[in-house]
Protein backbone atom coordinates (compact mmCIF):
# COMPACT_ATOMS: atom_id res chain seq x y z
CA MET A 1 33.61 14.02 -2.52
CA ARG A 2 36.78 13.53 -0.23
CA VAL A 3 36.54 14.86 3.24
CA GLU A 4 40.02 15.52 4.90
CA THR A 5 39.12 16.75 8.31
CA LEU A 6 37.10 15.99 11.25
CA GLY A 7 35.00 19.25 10.57
CA GLY A 8 34.53 18.18 7.03
CA ILE A 9 32.88 14.87 8.16
CA LEU A 10 30.57 16.52 10.39
CA ASP A 11 29.88 18.82 7.96
CA ALA A 12 29.07 16.60 5.62
CA TYR A 13 26.82 14.31 8.08
CA GLU A 14 24.89 17.58 8.72
CA GLU A 15 24.05 18.40 5.44
CA PHE A 16 22.94 14.73 4.85
CA TYR A 17 20.54 14.41 7.67
CA ARG A 18 19.60 17.97 6.59
CA GLU A 19 18.57 16.89 3.52
CA SER A 20 16.91 13.61 4.40
CA PHE A 21 14.80 15.58 6.96
CA ASN A 22 13.80 18.00 4.45
CA ASN A 23 12.83 15.16 1.98
CA GLU A 24 10.95 13.14 4.37
CA ARG A 25 9.18 16.51 5.63
CA LYS A 26 8.20 17.26 2.19
CA GLU A 27 6.78 13.64 1.35
CA ALA A 28 4.99 13.81 4.73
CA PHE A 29 3.29 16.96 4.60
CA GLU A 30 2.23 16.03 0.63
CA ASP A 31 0.55 12.96 2.37
CA ILE A 32 -1.17 15.20 5.04
CA GLU A 33 -2.44 17.64 2.50
CA GLU A 34 -3.84 14.82 0.21
CA LYS A 35 -5.80 13.40 3.22
CA LEU A 36 -7.09 16.63 4.25
CA SER A 37 -8.21 17.42 0.69
CA SER A 38 -9.92 14.04 0.31
CA TYR A 39 -13.01 15.05 2.71
CA PRO A 40 -14.52 18.01 3.92
CA VAL A 41 -14.15 17.10 7.36
CA VAL A 42 -11.15 14.79 8.42
CA LEU A 43 -10.23 13.81 11.74
CA PHE A 44 -6.83 12.43 12.76
CA ILE A 45 -7.42 10.36 15.87
CA ARG A 46 -6.08 7.75 18.42
CA GLY A 47 -8.26 4.70 17.38
CA THR A 48 -11.16 4.52 14.99
CA PRO A 49 -14.58 6.18 15.27
CA THR A 50 -16.11 2.87 16.33
CA ASN A 51 -12.96 2.33 18.97
CA PRO A 52 -11.40 5.47 19.91
CA MET A 53 -8.24 5.02 22.43
CA CYS A 54 -8.54 8.15 24.51
CA LYS A 55 -11.16 10.47 25.81
CA SER A 56 -10.54 13.05 23.53
CA SER A 57 -11.08 11.37 20.43
CA LYS A 58 -14.10 9.59 21.85
CA PHE A 59 -15.45 13.30 22.94
CA LEU A 60 -14.86 14.57 19.38
CA VAL A 61 -16.37 11.72 17.18
CA ASP A 62 -19.46 11.50 19.63
CA LYS A 63 -20.01 14.97 19.18
CA LEU A 64 -19.75 14.99 15.17
CA HIS A 65 -22.10 11.95 15.26
CA ARG A 66 -24.51 13.86 17.58
CA LEU A 67 -24.31 17.01 15.06
CA ASP A 68 -24.68 14.44 12.21
CA ILE A 69 -21.56 15.78 10.59
CA LYS A 70 -20.31 13.30 8.23
CA PHE A 71 -16.41 13.04 8.42
CA ARG A 72 -13.50 10.78 7.28
CA SER A 73 -10.78 9.76 10.04
CA TYR A 74 -7.38 8.21 10.19
CA ASN A 75 -5.85 6.39 13.03
CA ILE A 76 -2.48 8.15 13.78
CA MET A 77 -1.43 4.98 16.14
CA GLU A 78 -1.34 3.04 13.22
CA ASP A 79 1.33 5.27 11.38
CA GLY A 80 4.32 6.29 13.78
CA LYS A 81 5.78 8.80 11.35
CA MET A 82 2.46 10.44 10.27
CA LYS A 83 1.76 11.13 14.04
CA GLU A 84 5.12 12.57 14.36
CA TRP A 85 4.73 14.97 11.26
CA LEU A 86 1.47 15.81 11.95
CA LYS A 87 2.70 17.71 15.24
CA PHE A 88 5.06 19.60 12.81
CA TYR A 89 2.66 20.15 10.10
CA ALA A 90 -0.22 21.67 12.89
CA ASN A 91 2.39 22.90 14.83
CA TRP A 92 0.58 21.39 18.00
CA PRO A 93 2.41 18.77 20.22
CA SER A 94 -0.43 16.09 20.57
CA PHE A 95 -3.62 14.67 18.84
CA PRO A 96 -7.13 13.96 20.42
């Protein structure tokens, strides 16, 4: 593809990044949905159940333990991309 104008170059870059974004989003959403379907209750938290990294995560884990609800968890601090894509997936700005 030969691009001869600045506008054409900018359009080509925009298309490239839009396609890259959409591909990455698709892969991330598939990964999230796979994790969500892996167990009846799934938590995406900061830290681990035995070592939560924030008050919200600790509160949530403590409540589930007290109610004897079994769950699977994922530490969003270990995967920066997952952490960011979860915000898009859930349409929520932060996580416990």
